[in-house]
Each structure stands twice: as C-alpha cells, then as structure tokens.
Amino acid sequence: MQEQQLIQTIVKLVTEQLKDVDVYNPEHKVPVGISARHVHLCRKDIDILFGPGYQLTKKKELMGGQFASQECVTLIGTKLRAIENVRILGPERKQSQVEVSATDTIRLGIKAPVRLSGDLKGSAPIALAGPKGVVYLEEGCIVAKRHIHMSPADAARFGVKDRQVVKVRFESGRGGILEDVPIRVDDTFTLEMHIDTDEANGLGISGEMGIIIK
C-alpha cells in the first residue's frame, strides 16, 4: 500500500512538472527583423521639421504600406543628450511617435515605457530637430514591444489568433526564449517577428529564425 501511494505521489509530481515544459513544433519558424530606432511623424510636425508642404522621400518599401524615407532627424533628450541621423518611416501618422531601445533611453536620459506601436498615452517626452525647426513632444517616445506580424493564412497555419501572446525560442549563438510576444494579424502583413537591437544582441541573433511556442 505504501509503495502504491509512493508511485501515485511521484506520478503527480512529474505531471505537475510537465505542465511547465514548453511544447512546440520545430517547424513553426518565423523570420526575425531587427528594428533600429526610428520615427513616425504627423503632417504638422513634418511641416515644422522640414518646411510647409514637405513630402517624405521614399527610400525602401516596408510591410503594411510603410516605407523607410531618405529623411532623418536628431533626437534630443534631457540635458541636451542627442542621437543623430534617426530614420523617419512613412507614411504620415495622426500622432508622431519615436521608437528607441532601452539602451537609447539611457543615452538620451529619458524613461520611455515598453509599448506596442500607437499606445502613446503617458509615454516619454522628447524633442526632434530637423533642418527647418524643432518639435517637442510632450508624449510619444516608447521602447517598442517585441511582436510578430502575420497574415490570416499564417495565423491559421500556426493555430494562433490576433492579439494572442506566445513565446519564441531561439537557437542562436547565445540562445534563449523571449516571452510575452503578442501576435498581430492583418491582410497586409507578411510573416516576421520584430525585436529591437538590445534583444538581438542579448541573444546573439543574426539571421536566425525563431520558433513559436504556444
């Protein structure tokens, strides 16, 4: 009887431990895009920074109708700490937004929260300098939260849905798992995970693909 109880106890412990083991399909791979600091601008701020009516010059097409422009600005944080030549992404937005890494916030002397794009309420203030003027944003600077873009077809293939949060495993130089990764599904998206330079450097990622863990 004691032996049977011992076996039952061991089985229960092993079962509970297995609940914490990540189960994934090694074929559920996602390409990774490393996102450097960049800026999105509204029409009003483009006019101030580059002159009334100025149009951004398209340099490279990006997913979802976005593009990298030829134009850059200088970011200015507290105590006049600055980062020059920060790329602007188009097209114009309703509200200007600055995306930097956590390392950049130290350099700029600001405290920017980790947020998904567009979630700007209560985010950090920052100044932007262009060839024609300077814009001060009372809020708008964030550290971009890692996420995965995919089409509805990709979502069906992986068995996930929009806004679902997953983990992503990397078998890179330093290896590891990134948790709390939201999925964003849209017809205009192509499959790609976006992380920033800090995350890429921390895991030694350079061209490797991530594996989605549900």
N, C-alpha and C. Protein backbone atom coordinates (compact mmCIF):
# COMPACT_ATOMS: atom_id res chain seq x y z
N MET A 1 0.83 -1.21 0.00
CA MET A 1 0.00 0.00 0.00
C MET A 1 0.86 1.26 0.00
N GLN A 2 1.89 1.26 0.82
CA GLN A 2 2.78 2.41 0.87
C GLN A 2 3.49 2.60 -0.47
N GLU A 3 3.86 1.49 -1.10
CA GLU A 3 4.55 1.55 -2.39
C GLU A 3 3.62 2.16 -3.45
N GLN A 4 2.35 1.77 -3.42
CA GLN A 4 1.38 2.29 -4.38
C GLN A 4 1.18 3.80 -4.18
N GLN A 5 1.11 4.23 -2.93
CA GLN A 5 0.96 5.66 -2.64
C GLN A 5 2.18 6.45 -3.10
N LEU A 6 3.37 5.84 -2.93
CA LEU A 6 4.60 6.49 -3.37
C LEU A 6 4.60 6.68 -4.88
N ILE A 7 4.17 5.64 -5.60
CA ILE A 7 4.12 5.72 -7.06
C ILE A 7 3.14 6.81 -7.50
N GLN A 8 1.97 6.86 -6.84
CA GLN A 8 0.97 7.88 -7.18
C GLN A 8 1.51 9.28 -6.92
N THR A 9 2.25 9.44 -5.83
CA THR A 9 2.84 10.74 -5.50
C THR A 9 3.86 11.17 -6.55
N ILE A 10 4.70 10.22 -6.97
CA ILE A 10 5.72 10.50 -7.99
C ILE A 10 5.07 10.88 -9.31
N VAL A 11 4.04 10.12 -9.70
CA VAL A 11 3.32 10.42 -10.94
C VAL A 11 2.72 11.81 -10.91
N LYS A 12 2.14 12.20 -9.76
CA LYS A 12 1.54 13.52 -9.62
C LYS A 12 2.59 14.62 -9.75
N LEU A 13 3.75 14.42 -9.12
CA LEU A 13 4.82 15.42 -9.19
C LEU A 13 5.33 15.58 -10.60
N VAL A 14 5.55 14.46 -11.28
CA VAL A 14 6.04 14.50 -12.66
C VAL A 14 5.03 15.19 -13.57
N THR A 15 3.74 14.89 -13.38
CA THR A 15 2.69 15.51 -14.19
C THR A 15 2.66 17.01 -14.00
N GLU A 16 2.80 17.47 -12.77
CA GLU A 16 2.81 18.91 -12.49
C GLU A 16 4.01 19.59 -13.11
N GLN A 17 5.17 18.92 -13.10
CA GLN A 17 6.37 19.48 -13.69
C GLN A 17 6.24 19.59 -15.21
N LEU A 18 5.58 18.60 -15.82
CA LEU A 18 5.42 18.62 -17.26
C LEU A 18 4.54 19.75 -17.74
N LYS A 19 3.67 20.24 -16.85
CA LYS A 19 2.82 21.37 -17.22
C LYS A 19 3.64 22.61 -17.52
N ASP A 20 4.81 22.69 -16.90
CA ASP A 20 5.67 23.87 -17.08
C ASP A 20 6.66 23.71 -18.24
N VAL A 21 6.64 22.56 -18.91
CA VAL A 21 7.56 22.33 -20.01
C VAL A 21 6.98 22.93 -21.29
N ASP A 22 7.78 23.69 -22.01
CA ASP A 22 7.32 24.29 -23.25
C ASP A 22 7.20 23.24 -24.34
N VAL A 23 6.03 23.16 -24.96
CA VAL A 23 5.80 22.23 -26.06
C VAL A 23 5.68 23.04 -27.35
N TYR A 24 6.46 22.69 -28.36
CA TYR A 24 6.43 23.46 -29.59
C TYR A 24 6.74 22.58 -30.78
N ASN A 25 6.34 23.06 -31.93
CA ASN A 25 6.62 22.39 -33.20
C ASN A 25 7.83 23.06 -33.82
N PRO A 26 8.94 22.36 -34.02
CA PRO A 26 10.15 22.97 -34.57
C PRO A 26 9.96 23.51 -35.99
N GLU A 27 8.84 23.14 -36.62
CA GLU A 27 8.56 23.65 -37.96
C GLU A 27 7.86 25.01 -37.93
N HIS A 28 7.40 25.42 -36.76
CA HIS A 28 6.71 26.71 -36.63
C HIS A 28 7.73 27.84 -36.48
N LYS A 29 8.46 28.07 -37.56
CA LYS A 29 9.53 29.05 -37.54
C LYS A 29 9.06 30.40 -38.10
N VAL A 30 9.63 31.46 -37.56
CA VAL A 30 9.28 32.80 -38.00
C VAL A 30 10.56 33.60 -38.24
N PRO A 31 10.67 34.28 -39.40
CA PRO A 31 11.83 35.13 -39.64
C PRO A 31 11.84 36.32 -38.70
N VAL A 32 13.03 36.83 -38.43
CA VAL A 32 13.17 37.90 -37.44
C VAL A 32 13.73 39.17 -38.09
N GLY A 33 13.07 40.28 -37.82
CA GLY A 33 13.54 41.58 -38.27
C GLY A 33 14.01 42.38 -37.07
N ILE A 34 15.23 42.87 -37.14
CA ILE A 34 15.80 43.65 -36.04
C ILE A 34 15.54 45.13 -36.30
N SER A 35 14.75 45.72 -35.45
CA SER A 35 14.31 47.10 -35.67
C SER A 35 15.20 48.09 -34.92
N ALA A 36 15.84 48.97 -35.67
CA ALA A 36 16.64 50.04 -35.07
C ALA A 36 15.72 51.21 -34.71
N ARG A 37 16.23 52.14 -33.95
CA ARG A 37 15.46 53.33 -33.57
C ARG A 37 14.91 54.03 -34.82
N HIS A 38 13.69 54.56 -34.72
CA HIS A 38 13.09 55.26 -35.86
C HIS A 38 11.95 56.15 -35.39
N VAL A 39 11.44 56.95 -36.32
CA VAL A 39 10.44 57.96 -36.00
C VAL A 39 9.29 57.90 -37.00
N HIS A 40 8.05 58.08 -36.50
CA HIS A 40 6.86 58.29 -37.33
C HIS A 40 6.39 59.73 -37.07
N LEU A 41 5.99 60.43 -38.13
CA LEU A 41 5.63 61.84 -37.96
C LEU A 41 4.23 62.15 -38.48
N CYS A 42 3.57 63.10 -37.82
CA CYS A 42 2.30 63.62 -38.31
C CYS A 42 2.60 64.78 -39.26
N ARG A 43 1.56 65.20 -40.00
CA ARG A 43 1.74 66.27 -41.00
C ARG A 43 2.25 67.57 -40.37
N LYS A 44 1.69 67.94 -39.24
CA LYS A 44 2.09 69.18 -38.58
C LYS A 44 3.57 69.19 -38.25
N ASP A 45 4.07 68.07 -37.73
CA ASP A 45 5.47 68.02 -37.32
C ASP A 45 6.42 67.95 -38.51
N ILE A 46 5.99 67.33 -39.61
CA ILE A 46 6.81 67.33 -40.84
C ILE A 46 6.99 68.76 -41.32
N ASP A 47 5.90 69.53 -41.29
CA ASP A 47 5.97 70.93 -41.73
C ASP A 47 6.96 71.73 -40.90
N ILE A 48 6.97 71.49 -39.59
CA ILE A 48 7.89 72.23 -38.71
C ILE A 48 9.33 71.79 -38.93
N LEU A 49 9.54 70.49 -39.05
CA LEU A 49 10.91 69.97 -39.17
C LEU A 49 11.54 70.19 -40.53
N PHE A 50 10.71 70.12 -41.61
CA PHE A 50 11.26 70.17 -42.97
C PHE A 50 10.71 71.28 -43.84
N GLY A 51 9.71 71.99 -43.34
CA GLY A 51 9.13 73.08 -44.12
C GLY A 51 7.71 72.76 -44.55
N PRO A 52 6.85 73.79 -44.68
CA PRO A 52 5.45 73.59 -45.04
C PRO A 52 5.29 72.81 -46.35
N GLY A 53 4.42 71.77 -46.31
CA GLY A 53 4.14 71.00 -47.51
C GLY A 53 5.18 69.98 -47.91
N TYR A 54 6.22 69.85 -47.11
CA TYR A 54 7.30 68.92 -47.48
C TYR A 54 6.79 67.49 -47.55
N GLN A 55 7.25 66.74 -48.55
CA GLN A 55 6.87 65.34 -48.72
C GLN A 55 8.08 64.43 -48.49
N LEU A 56 7.88 63.42 -47.68
CA LEU A 56 8.96 62.47 -47.40
C LEU A 56 9.36 61.72 -48.67
N THR A 57 10.65 61.46 -48.80
CA THR A 57 11.19 60.78 -49.97
C THR A 57 11.34 59.29 -49.67
N LYS A 58 10.65 58.46 -50.44
CA LYS A 58 10.66 57.01 -50.19
C LYS A 58 12.03 56.41 -50.56
N LYS A 59 12.61 55.68 -49.60
CA LYS A 59 13.88 55.02 -49.82
C LYS A 59 13.71 53.51 -49.98
N LYS A 60 12.86 52.90 -49.14
CA LYS A 60 12.68 51.45 -49.17
C LYS A 60 11.26 51.09 -48.73
N GLU A 61 10.62 50.20 -49.49
CA GLU A 61 9.29 49.73 -49.15
C GLU A 61 9.35 48.78 -47.94
N LEU A 62 8.37 48.92 -47.04
CA LEU A 62 8.24 48.03 -45.89
C LEU A 62 6.85 47.41 -45.90
N MET A 63 6.60 46.48 -45.00
CA MET A 63 5.30 45.81 -44.98
C MET A 63 4.18 46.74 -44.55
N GLY A 64 2.97 46.37 -44.90
CA GLY A 64 1.80 47.13 -44.47
C GLY A 64 1.71 48.52 -45.04
N GLY A 65 2.31 48.75 -46.22
CA GLY A 65 2.25 50.05 -46.85
C GLY A 65 3.20 51.08 -46.28
N GLN A 66 4.03 50.69 -45.33
CA GLN A 66 5.00 51.63 -44.77
C GLN A 66 6.26 51.69 -45.64
N PHE A 67 7.08 52.70 -45.40
CA PHE A 67 8.35 52.81 -46.11
C PHE A 67 9.37 53.56 -45.27
N ALA A 68 10.63 53.24 -45.50
CA ALA A 68 11.72 53.99 -44.89
C ALA A 68 12.02 55.17 -45.81
N SER A 69 12.11 56.35 -45.23
CA SER A 69 12.35 57.54 -46.04
C SER A 69 13.83 57.91 -46.06
N GLN A 70 14.16 58.80 -46.95
CA GLN A 70 15.53 59.30 -47.02
C GLN A 70 15.83 60.23 -45.85
N GLU A 71 14.78 60.83 -45.30
CA GLU A 71 14.96 61.86 -44.28
C GLU A 71 15.25 61.29 -42.89
N CYS A 72 16.05 62.02 -42.14
CA CYS A 72 16.38 61.67 -40.76
C CYS A 72 16.24 62.91 -39.87
N VAL A 73 16.12 62.66 -38.57
CA VAL A 73 16.07 63.76 -37.60
C VAL A 73 17.04 63.44 -36.46
N THR A 74 17.22 64.41 -35.60
CA THR A 74 18.03 64.23 -34.39
C THR A 74 17.11 64.16 -33.19
N LEU A 75 17.29 63.15 -32.34
CA LEU A 75 16.52 63.03 -31.11
C LEU A 75 17.27 63.75 -29.99
N ILE A 76 16.55 64.52 -29.21
CA ILE A 76 17.16 65.27 -28.12
C ILE A 76 16.44 64.94 -26.81
N GLY A 77 17.17 64.38 -25.86
CA GLY A 77 16.61 64.02 -24.57
C GLY A 77 16.91 65.07 -23.53
N THR A 78 16.85 64.69 -22.26
CA THR A 78 17.14 65.63 -21.19
C THR A 78 18.62 65.99 -21.17
N LYS A 79 18.91 67.15 -20.62
CA LYS A 79 20.28 67.64 -20.52
C LYS A 79 20.95 67.71 -21.88
N LEU A 80 20.11 67.91 -22.94
CA LEU A 80 20.59 68.08 -24.31
C LEU A 80 21.38 66.88 -24.84
N ARG A 81 21.12 65.69 -24.30
CA ARG A 81 21.73 64.48 -24.84
C ARG A 81 21.03 64.13 -26.15
N ALA A 82 21.78 63.80 -27.20
CA ALA A 82 21.18 63.64 -28.51
C ALA A 82 21.66 62.38 -29.24
N ILE A 83 20.81 61.91 -30.17
CA ILE A 83 21.17 60.84 -31.10
C ILE A 83 20.83 61.35 -32.49
N GLU A 84 21.83 61.40 -33.36
CA GLU A 84 21.64 61.95 -34.69
C GLU A 84 21.26 60.88 -35.72
N ASN A 85 20.79 61.35 -36.88
CA ASN A 85 20.51 60.51 -38.05
C ASN A 85 19.55 59.36 -37.75
N VAL A 86 18.42 59.70 -37.14
CA VAL A 86 17.39 58.70 -36.84
C VAL A 86 16.37 58.71 -37.99
N ARG A 87 16.19 57.55 -38.61
CA ARG A 87 15.37 57.42 -39.81
C ARG A 87 13.89 57.67 -39.55
N ILE A 88 13.24 58.32 -40.50
CA ILE A 88 11.79 58.54 -40.46
C ILE A 88 11.12 57.47 -41.31
N LEU A 89 10.05 56.88 -40.78
CA LEU A 89 9.25 55.92 -41.54
C LEU A 89 7.93 56.57 -41.94
N GLY A 90 7.54 56.38 -43.19
CA GLY A 90 6.28 56.90 -43.69
C GLY A 90 5.27 55.79 -43.85
N PRO A 91 4.04 56.11 -44.18
CA PRO A 91 3.52 57.45 -44.45
C PRO A 91 3.23 58.23 -43.17
N GLU A 92 2.65 59.40 -43.34
CA GLU A 92 2.33 60.24 -42.18
C GLU A 92 1.35 59.53 -41.25
N ARG A 93 1.43 59.88 -39.97
CA ARG A 93 0.51 59.33 -38.97
C ARG A 93 -0.28 60.46 -38.32
N LYS A 94 -1.31 60.08 -37.58
CA LYS A 94 -2.11 61.09 -36.88
C LYS A 94 -1.34 61.70 -35.72
N GLN A 95 -0.44 60.91 -35.11
CA GLN A 95 0.35 61.39 -33.98
C GLN A 95 1.80 60.94 -34.16
N SER A 96 2.72 61.83 -33.91
CA SER A 96 4.14 61.49 -34.04
C SER A 96 4.55 60.50 -32.96
N GLN A 97 5.46 59.60 -33.33
CA GLN A 97 5.90 58.55 -32.42
C GLN A 97 7.38 58.28 -32.62
N VAL A 98 8.10 58.10 -31.52
CA VAL A 98 9.53 57.80 -31.56
C VAL A 98 9.75 56.44 -30.91
N GLU A 99 10.44 55.53 -31.60
CA GLU A 99 10.72 54.21 -31.07
C GLU A 99 12.23 54.04 -30.89
N VAL A 100 12.64 53.75 -29.67
CA VAL A 100 14.06 53.61 -29.35
C VAL A 100 14.27 52.32 -28.55
N SER A 101 15.52 51.96 -28.34
CA SER A 101 15.84 50.80 -27.49
C SER A 101 16.03 51.27 -26.05
N ALA A 102 16.06 50.32 -25.13
CA ALA A 102 16.30 50.67 -23.72
C ALA A 102 17.67 51.31 -23.56
N THR A 103 18.65 50.84 -24.33
CA THR A 103 19.99 51.44 -24.27
C THR A 103 19.95 52.89 -24.72
N ASP A 104 19.13 53.18 -25.75
CA ASP A 104 18.98 54.55 -26.23
C ASP A 104 18.41 55.46 -25.15
N THR A 105 17.48 54.94 -24.35
CA THR A 105 16.88 55.78 -23.31
C THR A 105 17.92 56.23 -22.29
N ILE A 106 18.88 55.37 -22.02
CA ILE A 106 19.95 55.74 -21.08
C ILE A 106 20.80 56.85 -21.69
N ARG A 107 21.11 56.68 -22.96
CA ARG A 107 21.91 57.69 -23.67
C ARG A 107 21.19 59.03 -23.73
N LEU A 108 19.86 58.98 -23.92
CA LEU A 108 19.08 60.21 -24.03
C LEU A 108 18.69 60.80 -22.68
N GLY A 109 18.78 59.99 -21.63
CA GLY A 109 18.41 60.46 -20.30
C GLY A 109 16.92 60.55 -20.10
N ILE A 110 16.15 59.62 -20.73
CA ILE A 110 14.69 59.62 -20.60
C ILE A 110 14.21 58.28 -20.06
N LYS A 111 12.95 58.21 -19.67
CA LYS A 111 12.36 56.97 -19.19
C LYS A 111 11.16 56.63 -20.06
N ALA A 112 11.41 55.88 -21.13
CA ALA A 112 10.35 55.51 -22.06
C ALA A 112 9.78 54.14 -21.71
N PRO A 113 8.47 53.99 -21.70
CA PRO A 113 7.85 52.70 -21.37
C PRO A 113 7.92 51.73 -22.56
N VAL A 114 7.81 50.44 -22.25
CA VAL A 114 7.74 49.41 -23.30
C VAL A 114 6.29 49.31 -23.75
N ARG A 115 6.03 49.62 -25.01
CA ARG A 115 4.66 49.66 -25.53
C ARG A 115 4.61 49.13 -26.96
N LEU A 116 3.41 48.70 -27.37
CA LEU A 116 3.16 48.41 -28.77
C LEU A 116 2.98 49.73 -29.50
N SER A 117 3.26 49.73 -30.79
CA SER A 117 3.13 50.93 -31.60
C SER A 117 1.72 51.51 -31.49
N GLY A 118 1.63 52.82 -31.30
CA GLY A 118 0.35 53.51 -31.20
C GLY A 118 -0.15 53.70 -29.79
N ASP A 119 0.41 52.98 -28.83
CA ASP A 119 0.00 53.10 -27.43
C ASP A 119 0.89 54.16 -26.78
N LEU A 120 0.50 55.41 -26.93
CA LEU A 120 1.39 56.52 -26.56
C LEU A 120 0.97 57.30 -25.32
N LYS A 121 -0.21 57.05 -24.80
CA LYS A 121 -0.67 57.84 -23.65
C LYS A 121 0.27 57.65 -22.45
N GLY A 122 0.77 58.76 -21.94
CA GLY A 122 1.67 58.70 -20.80
C GLY A 122 3.08 58.27 -21.13
N SER A 123 3.42 58.21 -22.42
CA SER A 123 4.79 57.83 -22.81
C SER A 123 5.74 59.00 -22.62
N ALA A 124 7.02 58.79 -22.90
CA ALA A 124 8.04 59.78 -22.56
C ALA A 124 8.05 60.98 -23.50
N PRO A 125 8.37 62.15 -22.95
CA PRO A 125 8.55 63.33 -23.79
C PRO A 125 9.91 63.31 -24.46
N ILE A 126 10.01 63.96 -25.62
CA ILE A 126 11.28 64.01 -26.34
C ILE A 126 11.21 65.14 -27.36
N ALA A 127 12.37 65.64 -27.77
CA ALA A 127 12.44 66.69 -28.79
C ALA A 127 13.08 66.12 -30.06
N LEU A 128 12.62 66.63 -31.21
CA LEU A 128 13.17 66.23 -32.50
C LEU A 128 13.64 67.47 -33.24
N ALA A 129 14.81 67.39 -33.82
CA ALA A 129 15.36 68.51 -34.58
C ALA A 129 15.54 68.12 -36.04
N GLY A 130 15.03 68.98 -36.92
CA GLY A 130 15.19 68.79 -38.36
C GLY A 130 15.89 69.98 -38.97
N PRO A 131 16.03 70.00 -40.29
CA PRO A 131 16.74 71.10 -40.95
C PRO A 131 16.04 72.45 -40.87
N LYS A 132 14.72 72.43 -40.61
CA LYS A 132 13.97 73.69 -40.61
C LYS A 132 13.43 74.08 -39.24
N GLY A 133 13.47 73.17 -38.27
CA GLY A 133 12.92 73.52 -36.98
C GLY A 133 13.00 72.38 -35.98
N VAL A 134 12.42 72.65 -34.79
CA VAL A 134 12.46 71.69 -33.69
C VAL A 134 11.04 71.44 -33.19
N VAL A 135 10.74 70.17 -32.91
CA VAL A 135 9.43 69.77 -32.38
C VAL A 135 9.64 69.18 -30.99
N TYR A 136 8.81 69.60 -30.03
CA TYR A 136 8.85 69.00 -28.69
C TYR A 136 7.58 68.18 -28.49
N LEU A 137 7.75 66.89 -28.25
CA LEU A 137 6.61 66.02 -27.99
C LEU A 137 6.45 65.84 -26.49
N GLU A 138 5.28 66.20 -25.96
CA GLU A 138 5.02 66.02 -24.53
C GLU A 138 4.90 64.54 -24.18
N GLU A 139 4.50 63.74 -25.15
CA GLU A 139 4.49 62.28 -25.03
C GLU A 139 4.64 61.70 -26.44
N GLY A 140 5.17 60.48 -26.52
CA GLY A 140 5.32 59.90 -27.86
C GLY A 140 6.52 59.01 -28.03
N CYS A 141 7.40 58.95 -27.03
CA CYS A 141 8.60 58.12 -27.14
C CYS A 141 8.40 56.81 -26.36
N ILE A 142 8.60 55.69 -27.04
CA ILE A 142 8.44 54.38 -26.42
C ILE A 142 9.61 53.47 -26.76
N VAL A 143 9.77 52.41 -25.96
CA VAL A 143 10.62 51.29 -26.32
C VAL A 143 9.67 50.27 -26.95
N ALA A 144 9.87 49.97 -28.22
CA ALA A 144 8.92 49.13 -28.94
C ALA A 144 8.86 47.72 -28.35
N LYS A 145 7.66 47.27 -28.05
CA LYS A 145 7.45 45.93 -27.51
C LYS A 145 7.60 44.90 -28.65
N ARG A 146 8.35 43.84 -28.38
CA ARG A 146 8.52 42.80 -29.40
C ARG A 146 7.16 42.22 -29.79
N HIS A 147 7.03 41.84 -31.05
CA HIS A 147 5.76 41.33 -31.55
C HIS A 147 5.98 40.56 -32.85
N ILE A 148 4.94 39.87 -33.30
CA ILE A 148 5.01 39.11 -34.54
C ILE A 148 3.91 39.57 -35.48
N HIS A 149 4.29 39.92 -36.71
CA HIS A 149 3.32 40.23 -37.76
C HIS A 149 3.05 38.96 -38.56
N MET A 150 1.79 38.75 -38.92
CA MET A 150 1.49 37.63 -39.81
C MET A 150 0.15 37.85 -40.50
N SER A 151 -0.02 37.18 -41.64
CA SER A 151 -1.27 37.24 -42.39
C SER A 151 -2.27 36.27 -41.78
N PRO A 152 -3.56 36.38 -42.12
CA PRO A 152 -4.54 35.41 -41.63
C PRO A 152 -4.18 33.97 -42.01
N ALA A 153 -3.60 33.78 -43.19
CA ALA A 153 -3.21 32.43 -43.62
C ALA A 153 -2.11 31.88 -42.72
N ASP A 154 -1.14 32.73 -42.36
CA ASP A 154 -0.08 32.29 -41.45
C ASP A 154 -0.65 31.96 -40.07
N ALA A 155 -1.59 32.79 -39.61
CA ALA A 155 -2.19 32.57 -38.30
C ALA A 155 -2.91 31.22 -38.27
N ALA A 156 -3.61 30.89 -39.36
CA ALA A 156 -4.30 29.61 -39.43
C ALA A 156 -3.30 28.46 -39.44
N ARG A 157 -2.18 28.65 -40.14
CA ARG A 157 -1.16 27.60 -40.23
C ARG A 157 -0.53 27.34 -38.87
N PHE A 158 -0.29 28.38 -38.09
CA PHE A 158 0.32 28.23 -36.77
C PHE A 158 -0.71 27.91 -35.68
N GLY A 159 -1.99 28.07 -36.00
CA GLY A 159 -3.02 27.83 -35.00
C GLY A 159 -3.07 28.90 -33.93
N VAL A 160 -2.88 30.18 -34.33
CA VAL A 160 -2.91 31.30 -33.39
C VAL A 160 -3.88 32.35 -33.91
N LYS A 161 -4.15 33.37 -33.10
CA LYS A 161 -5.07 34.43 -33.50
C LYS A 161 -4.51 35.80 -33.13
N ASP A 162 -5.14 36.82 -33.67
CA ASP A 162 -4.72 38.19 -33.42
C ASP A 162 -4.75 38.51 -31.93
N ARG A 163 -3.69 39.16 -31.45
CA ARG A 163 -3.53 39.58 -30.06
C ARG A 163 -3.16 38.43 -29.11
N GLN A 164 -3.08 37.21 -29.62
CA GLN A 164 -2.63 36.11 -28.76
C GLN A 164 -1.18 36.32 -28.37
N VAL A 165 -0.85 35.95 -27.15
CA VAL A 165 0.52 36.13 -26.65
C VAL A 165 1.22 34.77 -26.62
N VAL A 166 2.41 34.71 -27.20
CA VAL A 166 3.17 33.46 -27.29
C VAL A 166 4.59 33.69 -26.79
N LYS A 167 5.38 32.61 -26.79
CA LYS A 167 6.81 32.69 -26.55
C LYS A 167 7.52 32.37 -27.85
N VAL A 168 8.77 32.79 -27.95
CA VAL A 168 9.56 32.46 -29.14
C VAL A 168 10.94 31.97 -28.71
N ARG A 169 11.29 30.79 -29.18
CA ARG A 169 12.57 30.16 -28.84
C ARG A 169 13.60 30.46 -29.92
N PHE A 170 14.84 30.74 -29.48
CA PHE A 170 15.93 31.00 -30.42
C PHE A 170 17.08 30.03 -30.16
N GLU A 171 17.52 29.39 -31.22
CA GLU A 171 18.68 28.50 -31.13
C GLU A 171 19.85 29.23 -31.78
N SER A 172 20.13 30.41 -31.25
CA SER A 172 21.17 31.30 -31.80
C SER A 172 22.45 31.14 -31.02
N GLY A 173 23.39 32.06 -31.25
CA GLY A 173 24.69 31.99 -30.59
C GLY A 173 24.61 31.93 -29.09
N ARG A 174 23.70 32.69 -28.48
CA ARG A 174 23.55 32.69 -27.03
C ARG A 174 22.27 31.98 -26.61
N GLY A 175 21.35 31.81 -27.54
CA GLY A 175 20.13 31.04 -27.29
C GLY A 175 19.24 31.60 -26.20
N GLY A 176 18.00 31.15 -26.19
CA GLY A 176 17.08 31.57 -25.14
C GLY A 176 15.66 31.67 -25.64
N ILE A 177 14.76 32.08 -24.76
CA ILE A 177 13.34 32.22 -25.07
C ILE A 177 12.86 33.62 -24.70
N LEU A 178 12.18 34.28 -25.64
CA LEU A 178 11.55 35.57 -25.36
C LEU A 178 10.07 35.31 -25.07
N GLU A 179 9.62 35.76 -23.91
CA GLU A 179 8.23 35.57 -23.52
C GLU A 179 7.40 36.83 -23.81
N ASP A 180 6.10 36.73 -23.60
CA ASP A 180 5.19 37.87 -23.73
C ASP A 180 5.32 38.53 -25.11
N VAL A 181 5.11 37.72 -26.16
CA VAL A 181 5.20 38.20 -27.53
C VAL A 181 3.81 38.21 -28.17
N PRO A 182 3.18 39.37 -28.32
CA PRO A 182 1.85 39.42 -28.93
C PRO A 182 1.92 39.21 -30.44
N ILE A 183 0.87 38.59 -30.98
CA ILE A 183 0.76 38.37 -32.42
C ILE A 183 -0.21 39.39 -33.00
N ARG A 184 0.18 39.96 -34.14
CA ARG A 184 -0.67 40.94 -34.81
C ARG A 184 -0.99 40.41 -36.21
N VAL A 185 -2.27 40.21 -36.48
CA VAL A 185 -2.71 39.61 -37.74
C VAL A 185 -3.41 40.65 -38.61
N ASP A 186 -3.00 40.72 -39.89
CA ASP A 186 -3.63 41.65 -40.83
C ASP A 186 -3.36 41.17 -42.25
N ASP A 187 -4.26 41.46 -43.16
CA ASP A 187 -4.10 41.05 -44.55
C ASP A 187 -2.86 41.66 -45.20
N THR A 188 -2.42 42.81 -44.70
CA THR A 188 -1.28 43.50 -45.32
C THR A 188 0.07 43.04 -44.76
N PHE A 189 0.05 42.18 -43.74
CA PHE A 189 1.30 41.77 -43.08
C PHE A 189 1.92 40.55 -43.75
N THR A 190 3.24 40.52 -43.73
CA THR A 190 4.00 39.33 -44.09
C THR A 190 4.63 38.79 -42.81
N LEU A 191 4.90 37.50 -42.78
CA LEU A 191 5.37 36.85 -41.56
C LEU A 191 6.73 37.38 -41.13
N GLU A 192 6.77 38.00 -39.95
CA GLU A 192 8.04 38.49 -39.42
C GLU A 192 7.87 38.89 -37.96
N MET A 193 8.83 38.50 -37.14
CA MET A 193 8.89 38.94 -35.75
C MET A 193 9.78 40.17 -35.67
N HIS A 194 9.36 41.17 -34.92
CA HIS A 194 10.15 42.38 -34.76
C HIS A 194 10.69 42.47 -33.34
N ILE A 195 12.00 42.57 -33.23
CA ILE A 195 12.67 42.79 -31.96
C ILE A 195 13.60 43.98 -32.13
N ASP A 196 14.08 44.54 -31.02
CA ASP A 196 15.00 45.68 -31.16
C ASP A 196 16.44 45.21 -31.04
N THR A 197 17.35 46.16 -31.18
CA THR A 197 18.78 45.83 -31.20
C THR A 197 19.27 45.27 -29.87
N ASP A 198 18.70 45.71 -28.76
CA ASP A 198 19.09 45.18 -27.45
C ASP A 198 18.78 43.69 -27.36
N GLU A 199 17.56 43.33 -27.78
CA GLU A 199 17.15 41.93 -27.71
C GLU A 199 17.98 41.05 -28.64
N ALA A 200 18.25 41.56 -29.83
CA ALA A 200 19.05 40.80 -30.80
C ALA A 200 20.47 40.58 -30.28
N ASN A 201 21.06 41.61 -29.72
CA ASN A 201 22.42 41.48 -29.19
C ASN A 201 22.46 40.56 -27.98
N GLY A 202 21.43 40.65 -27.13
CA GLY A 202 21.39 39.83 -25.92
C GLY A 202 21.34 38.34 -26.22
N LEU A 203 20.65 37.97 -27.31
CA LEU A 203 20.52 36.56 -27.65
C LEU A 203 21.47 36.13 -28.78
N GLY A 204 22.27 37.06 -29.25
CA GLY A 204 23.22 36.74 -30.32
C GLY A 204 22.52 36.38 -31.61
N ILE A 205 21.42 37.07 -31.90
CA ILE A 205 20.62 36.78 -33.11
C ILE A 205 21.20 37.52 -34.30
N SER A 206 21.47 36.77 -35.36
CA SER A 206 21.98 37.36 -36.59
C SER A 206 21.56 36.48 -37.77
N GLY A 207 20.33 36.66 -38.20
CA GLY A 207 19.82 35.87 -39.32
C GLY A 207 19.07 34.60 -38.92
N GLU A 208 19.11 34.24 -37.63
CA GLU A 208 18.40 33.03 -37.19
C GLU A 208 16.88 33.25 -37.20
N MET A 209 16.14 32.16 -37.27
CA MET A 209 14.69 32.21 -37.18
C MET A 209 14.25 31.82 -35.79
N GLY A 210 13.12 32.37 -35.34
CA GLY A 210 12.57 32.00 -34.05
C GLY A 210 11.56 30.88 -34.21
N ILE A 211 11.28 30.14 -33.15
CA ILE A 211 10.30 29.08 -33.16
C ILE A 211 9.18 29.44 -32.19
N ILE A 212 7.96 29.54 -32.70
CA ILE A 212 6.82 29.95 -31.87
C ILE A 212 6.43 28.84 -30.90
N ILE A 213 6.26 29.24 -29.64
CA ILE A 213 5.79 28.31 -28.59
C ILE A 213 4.46 28.83 -28.09
N LYS A 214 3.41 28.03 -28.19
CA LYS A 214 2.07 28.45 -27.74
C LYS A 214 1.85 28.06 -26.29
